[in-house]
Amino acid sequence: MKISTEEALEKLNSLPGQLFTQVMRHGNMSAEIYRPHKVDKQTPHLQDELYIIISGKGEFVNDGKRISFKPGDMIFVAAGAEHRYENFTDDFATWVIFYGPLGGEAEASSQK
């Protein structure tokens, strides 16, 4: 399976008013492209997730901690954690990869 950023953005652009669309799925893994407009209104998810920033800059709030982000950054969010993008540029877009069991995977003590 393969999809380019350009193909994913074209798919999203073909869905007027949509902020995200699934572009790949295998087992319990799904990949989406996400492009919020002005405000990120997402709520906690049932699976762990990775974001890989495609374009844009801003701030990300993850379980009460605020960080800045830029293209190429990867951000992990544990299942159930409150999170959102804030103060992001108009060109912001990101890959979102959901994976693992509902409720998330246990944190490995060696990976802290």
N, C-alpha and C. Protein backbone atom coordinates (compact mmCIF):
# COMPACT_ATOMS: atom_id res chain seq x y z
N MET A 1 0.84 -1.18 0.00
CA MET A 1 0.00 0.00 0.00
C MET A 1 0.88 1.24 0.00
N LYS A 2 0.46 2.23 -0.73
CA LYS A 2 1.20 3.49 -0.79
C LYS A 2 0.23 4.60 -1.17
N ILE A 3 0.42 5.77 -0.54
CA ILE A 3 -0.29 6.97 -0.96
C ILE A 3 0.64 8.15 -0.73
N SER A 4 0.67 9.06 -1.65
CA SER A 4 1.52 10.24 -1.50
C SER A 4 0.73 11.33 -0.77
N THR A 5 1.47 12.29 -0.25
CA THR A 5 0.83 13.45 0.39
C THR A 5 -0.09 14.15 -0.60
N GLU A 6 0.38 14.30 -1.83
CA GLU A 6 -0.42 14.98 -2.85
C GLU A 6 -1.73 14.24 -3.12
N GLU A 7 -1.65 12.90 -3.23
CA GLU A 7 -2.86 12.11 -3.47
C GLU A 7 -3.83 12.21 -2.30
N ALA A 8 -3.30 12.18 -1.08
CA ALA A 8 -4.16 12.28 0.10
C ALA A 8 -4.84 13.64 0.18
N LEU A 9 -4.08 14.70 -0.11
CA LEU A 9 -4.68 16.04 -0.08
C LEU A 9 -5.72 16.20 -1.19
N GLU A 10 -5.47 15.62 -2.37
CA GLU A 10 -6.47 15.66 -3.45
C GLU A 10 -7.75 14.96 -3.01
N LYS A 11 -7.60 13.80 -2.35
CA LYS A 11 -8.78 13.07 -1.86
C LYS A 11 -9.54 13.92 -0.85
N LEU A 12 -8.83 14.56 0.08
CA LEU A 12 -9.48 15.41 1.06
C LEU A 12 -10.16 16.61 0.40
N ASN A 13 -9.48 17.22 -0.57
CA ASN A 13 -10.05 18.38 -1.28
C ASN A 13 -11.31 18.02 -2.05
N SER A 14 -11.46 16.75 -2.42
CA SER A 14 -12.65 16.33 -3.18
C SER A 14 -13.87 16.14 -2.27
N LEU A 15 -13.68 16.31 -0.97
CA LEU A 15 -14.75 16.13 0.01
C LEU A 15 -15.04 17.48 0.67
N PRO A 16 -15.85 18.33 0.04
CA PRO A 16 -16.10 19.67 0.57
C PRO A 16 -16.54 19.66 2.03
N GLY A 17 -15.90 20.51 2.83
CA GLY A 17 -16.27 20.64 4.23
C GLY A 17 -15.63 19.61 5.15
N GLN A 18 -14.98 18.59 4.61
CA GLN A 18 -14.34 17.56 5.44
C GLN A 18 -13.00 18.07 5.96
N LEU A 19 -12.68 17.76 7.20
CA LEU A 19 -11.41 18.12 7.80
C LEU A 19 -10.40 16.98 7.76
N PHE A 20 -10.89 15.75 7.55
CA PHE A 20 -10.02 14.58 7.51
C PHE A 20 -10.65 13.52 6.63
N THR A 21 -9.82 12.59 6.19
CA THR A 21 -10.32 11.42 5.48
C THR A 21 -9.33 10.27 5.67
N GLN A 22 -9.86 9.08 5.78
CA GLN A 22 -9.02 7.88 5.90
C GLN A 22 -8.42 7.58 4.53
N VAL A 23 -7.13 7.28 4.53
CA VAL A 23 -6.44 6.99 3.28
C VAL A 23 -5.83 5.60 3.23
N MET A 24 -5.80 4.91 4.39
CA MET A 24 -5.22 3.57 4.43
C MET A 24 -5.72 2.84 5.68
N ARG A 25 -5.86 1.51 5.53
CA ARG A 25 -6.27 0.70 6.68
C ARG A 25 -5.67 -0.69 6.54
N HIS A 26 -5.23 -1.23 7.67
CA HIS A 26 -4.73 -2.60 7.72
C HIS A 26 -4.88 -3.08 9.16
N GLY A 27 -5.65 -4.11 9.38
CA GLY A 27 -5.88 -4.59 10.74
C GLY A 27 -6.46 -3.48 11.60
N ASN A 28 -5.83 -3.24 12.76
CA ASN A 28 -6.34 -2.19 13.63
C ASN A 28 -5.64 -0.85 13.40
N MET A 29 -4.80 -0.75 12.35
CA MET A 29 -4.15 0.50 11.99
C MET A 29 -4.96 1.21 10.92
N SER A 30 -5.14 2.51 11.11
CA SER A 30 -5.72 3.33 10.05
C SER A 30 -4.94 4.62 9.96
N ALA A 31 -4.80 5.11 8.74
CA ALA A 31 -4.09 6.37 8.50
C ALA A 31 -5.05 7.35 7.85
N GLU A 32 -4.96 8.59 8.31
CA GLU A 32 -5.80 9.67 7.80
C GLU A 32 -4.93 10.87 7.47
N ILE A 33 -5.49 11.75 6.68
CA ILE A 33 -4.91 13.07 6.52
C ILE A 33 -5.89 14.02 7.19
N TYR A 34 -5.36 14.98 7.94
CA TYR A 34 -6.18 15.88 8.74
C TYR A 34 -5.74 17.31 8.50
N ARG A 35 -6.71 18.18 8.24
CA ARG A 35 -6.44 19.59 7.99
C ARG A 35 -7.56 20.43 8.59
N PRO A 36 -7.44 20.79 9.87
CA PRO A 36 -8.47 21.62 10.49
C PRO A 36 -8.40 23.06 9.96
N HIS A 37 -9.49 23.79 10.12
CA HIS A 37 -9.55 25.19 9.68
C HIS A 37 -9.77 26.08 10.89
N LYS A 38 -8.80 26.90 11.18
CA LYS A 38 -8.85 27.91 12.25
C LYS A 38 -8.87 27.31 13.66
N VAL A 39 -9.76 26.35 13.94
CA VAL A 39 -9.90 25.78 15.28
C VAL A 39 -9.91 24.26 15.18
N ASP A 40 -9.17 23.61 16.06
CA ASP A 40 -9.14 22.15 16.11
C ASP A 40 -10.13 21.70 17.20
N LYS A 41 -11.21 21.06 16.79
CA LYS A 41 -12.27 20.66 17.72
C LYS A 41 -12.26 19.17 18.04
N GLN A 42 -11.15 18.49 17.81
CA GLN A 42 -11.15 17.05 18.04
C GLN A 42 -11.26 16.71 19.52
N THR A 43 -11.72 15.52 19.76
CA THR A 43 -11.89 15.01 21.11
C THR A 43 -10.99 13.77 21.27
N PRO A 44 -10.79 13.29 22.50
CA PRO A 44 -9.92 12.11 22.70
C PRO A 44 -10.37 10.92 21.86
N HIS A 45 -9.38 10.12 21.47
CA HIS A 45 -9.62 8.95 20.62
C HIS A 45 -9.46 7.66 21.42
N LEU A 46 -10.01 6.58 20.90
CA LEU A 46 -9.98 5.29 21.59
C LEU A 46 -8.67 4.53 21.41
N GLN A 47 -7.89 4.92 20.40
CA GLN A 47 -6.62 4.24 20.12
C GLN A 47 -5.46 5.21 20.31
N ASP A 48 -4.25 4.66 20.51
CA ASP A 48 -3.05 5.48 20.47
C ASP A 48 -2.92 6.05 19.07
N GLU A 49 -2.22 7.18 18.96
CA GLU A 49 -2.07 7.77 17.63
C GLU A 49 -0.74 8.49 17.49
N LEU A 50 -0.29 8.54 16.25
CA LEU A 50 0.88 9.31 15.86
C LEU A 50 0.45 10.36 14.86
N TYR A 51 0.96 11.56 15.04
CA TYR A 51 0.80 12.62 14.05
C TYR A 51 2.17 12.87 13.43
N ILE A 52 2.21 13.01 12.12
CA ILE A 52 3.43 13.40 11.43
C ILE A 52 3.07 14.65 10.64
N ILE A 53 3.67 15.76 11.02
CA ILE A 53 3.31 17.06 10.46
C ILE A 53 3.79 17.16 9.01
N ILE A 54 2.85 17.48 8.13
CA ILE A 54 3.14 17.64 6.70
C ILE A 54 3.56 19.07 6.42
N SER A 55 2.72 20.01 6.87
CA SER A 55 2.98 21.43 6.59
C SER A 55 2.39 22.28 7.70
N GLY A 56 2.92 23.49 7.82
CA GLY A 56 2.42 24.43 8.80
C GLY A 56 3.18 24.36 10.12
N LYS A 57 2.91 25.35 10.96
CA LYS A 57 3.53 25.45 12.28
C LYS A 57 2.46 25.86 13.27
N GLY A 58 2.73 25.62 14.54
CA GLY A 58 1.80 26.03 15.57
C GLY A 58 2.17 25.42 16.90
N GLU A 59 1.14 25.25 17.74
CA GLU A 59 1.32 24.66 19.05
C GLU A 59 0.38 23.47 19.20
N PHE A 60 0.81 22.51 20.00
CA PHE A 60 0.02 21.31 20.23
C PHE A 60 -0.10 21.11 21.73
N VAL A 61 -1.32 20.92 22.21
CA VAL A 61 -1.57 20.65 23.61
C VAL A 61 -1.90 19.17 23.74
N ASN A 62 -1.11 18.46 24.55
CA ASN A 62 -1.24 17.01 24.69
C ASN A 62 -1.27 16.68 26.17
N ASP A 63 -2.44 16.33 26.67
CA ASP A 63 -2.60 15.96 28.07
C ASP A 63 -2.08 17.07 28.99
N GLY A 64 -2.39 18.33 28.63
CA GLY A 64 -2.02 19.48 29.44
C GLY A 64 -0.65 20.06 29.15
N LYS A 65 0.15 19.41 28.32
CA LYS A 65 1.49 19.91 28.00
C LYS A 65 1.47 20.55 26.62
N ARG A 66 2.05 21.75 26.52
CA ARG A 66 2.07 22.50 25.27
C ARG A 66 3.46 22.43 24.63
N ILE A 67 3.48 22.11 23.32
CA ILE A 67 4.74 22.09 22.57
C ILE A 67 4.52 22.82 21.25
N SER A 68 5.60 23.26 20.64
CA SER A 68 5.50 23.82 19.29
C SER A 68 5.77 22.70 18.29
N PHE A 69 5.27 22.87 17.06
CA PHE A 69 5.50 21.87 16.01
C PHE A 69 5.81 22.56 14.70
N LYS A 70 6.44 21.78 13.82
CA LYS A 70 6.79 22.25 12.47
C LYS A 70 6.80 21.03 11.54
N PRO A 71 6.89 21.23 10.22
CA PRO A 71 6.90 20.10 9.29
C PRO A 71 8.00 19.09 9.63
N GLY A 72 7.62 17.82 9.55
CA GLY A 72 8.54 16.73 9.82
C GLY A 72 8.48 16.22 11.25
N ASP A 73 7.89 16.99 12.17
CA ASP A 73 7.78 16.54 13.56
C ASP A 73 6.79 15.39 13.67
N MET A 74 7.07 14.49 14.62
CA MET A 74 6.17 13.38 14.94
C MET A 74 5.71 13.56 16.38
N ILE A 75 4.41 13.42 16.61
CA ILE A 75 3.82 13.61 17.93
C ILE A 75 3.02 12.37 18.30
N PHE A 76 3.25 11.85 19.50
CA PHE A 76 2.50 10.70 20.01
C PHE A 76 1.42 11.19 20.97
N VAL A 77 0.23 10.59 20.87
CA VAL A 77 -0.87 10.87 21.79
C VAL A 77 -1.42 9.53 22.27
N ALA A 78 -1.45 9.35 23.58
CA ALA A 78 -2.00 8.13 24.16
C ALA A 78 -3.51 8.11 24.02
N ALA A 79 -4.07 6.94 23.86
CA ALA A 79 -5.53 6.78 23.78
C ALA A 79 -6.17 7.47 24.98
N GLY A 80 -7.23 8.22 24.73
CA GLY A 80 -7.99 8.86 25.78
C GLY A 80 -7.47 10.21 26.23
N ALA A 81 -6.30 10.63 25.76
CA ALA A 81 -5.72 11.90 26.19
C ALA A 81 -6.39 13.08 25.49
N GLU A 82 -6.67 14.14 26.25
CA GLU A 82 -7.14 15.39 25.66
C GLU A 82 -6.00 15.97 24.84
N HIS A 83 -6.29 16.40 23.61
CA HIS A 83 -5.26 16.99 22.77
C HIS A 83 -5.90 17.84 21.69
N ARG A 84 -5.11 18.83 21.22
CA ARG A 84 -5.60 19.70 20.15
C ARG A 84 -4.45 20.55 19.61
N TYR A 85 -4.62 21.00 18.39
CA TYR A 85 -3.70 21.95 17.78
C TYR A 85 -4.23 23.35 18.03
N GLU A 86 -3.33 24.28 18.31
CA GLU A 86 -3.70 25.67 18.55
C GLU A 86 -2.73 26.59 17.81
N ASN A 87 -3.19 27.79 17.50
CA ASN A 87 -2.34 28.83 16.89
C ASN A 87 -1.58 28.32 15.68
N PHE A 88 -2.26 27.52 14.84
CA PHE A 88 -1.59 26.94 13.69
C PHE A 88 -1.80 27.79 12.45
N THR A 89 -0.84 27.69 11.53
CA THR A 89 -0.88 28.45 10.29
C THR A 89 -1.94 27.88 9.34
N ASP A 90 -2.37 28.70 8.39
CA ASP A 90 -3.43 28.29 7.46
C ASP A 90 -3.05 27.10 6.59
N ASP A 91 -1.76 26.85 6.40
CA ASP A 91 -1.33 25.74 5.56
C ASP A 91 -1.13 24.44 6.33
N PHE A 92 -1.59 24.39 7.59
CA PHE A 92 -1.37 23.22 8.43
C PHE A 92 -2.09 21.99 7.88
N ALA A 93 -1.34 20.87 7.83
CA ALA A 93 -1.89 19.56 7.48
C ALA A 93 -1.00 18.50 8.14
N THR A 94 -1.61 17.38 8.51
CA THR A 94 -0.85 16.32 9.18
C THR A 94 -1.38 14.95 8.83
N TRP A 95 -0.47 13.97 8.84
CA TRP A 95 -0.87 12.57 8.82
C TRP A 95 -1.30 12.20 10.22
N VAL A 96 -2.28 11.32 10.34
CA VAL A 96 -2.71 10.77 11.62
C VAL A 96 -2.73 9.25 11.47
N ILE A 97 -2.05 8.56 12.36
CA ILE A 97 -2.01 7.11 12.32
C ILE A 97 -2.55 6.58 13.64
N PHE A 98 -3.68 5.91 13.58
CA PHE A 98 -4.29 5.26 14.74
C PHE A 98 -3.86 3.80 14.73
N TYR A 99 -3.54 3.26 15.91
CA TYR A 99 -3.11 1.86 15.94
C TYR A 99 -3.34 1.26 17.33
N GLY A 100 -3.24 -0.05 17.39
CA GLY A 100 -3.29 -0.76 18.66
C GLY A 100 -4.71 -1.01 19.15
N PRO A 101 -4.80 -1.60 20.33
CA PRO A 101 -6.11 -1.96 20.88
C PRO A 101 -6.88 -0.73 21.36
N LEU A 102 -8.19 -0.86 21.45
CA LEU A 102 -9.00 0.20 22.04
C LEU A 102 -8.54 0.39 23.48
N GLY A 103 -8.38 1.62 23.89
CA GLY A 103 -7.86 1.91 25.22
C GLY A 103 -6.36 2.14 25.23
N GLY A 104 -5.69 1.81 24.12
CA GLY A 104 -4.26 2.06 24.00
C GLY A 104 -3.40 0.92 24.51
N GLU A 105 -2.14 0.99 24.15
CA GLU A 105 -1.16 0.00 24.60
C GLU A 105 -0.55 0.46 25.92
N ALA A 106 -0.06 -0.48 26.70
CA ALA A 106 0.64 -0.16 27.95
C ALA A 106 1.97 0.49 27.62
N GLU A 107 2.34 1.48 28.40
CA GLU A 107 3.63 2.15 28.19
C GLU A 107 4.76 1.21 28.62
N ALA A 108 5.74 1.07 27.76
CA ALA A 108 6.91 0.24 28.08
C ALA A 108 7.85 1.05 28.96
N SER A 109 8.26 0.52 30.07
CA SER A 109 9.10 1.27 31.01
C SER A 109 10.42 1.71 30.40
N SER A 110 10.93 0.99 29.42
CA SER A 110 12.21 1.35 28.80
C SER A 110 12.06 2.43 27.73
N GLN A 111 10.84 2.79 27.37
CA GLN A 111 10.62 3.77 26.31
C GLN A 111 10.20 5.14 26.82
N LYS A 112 10.34 5.41 28.11
CA LYS A 112 9.93 6.70 28.66
C LYS A 112 10.85 7.75 28.18
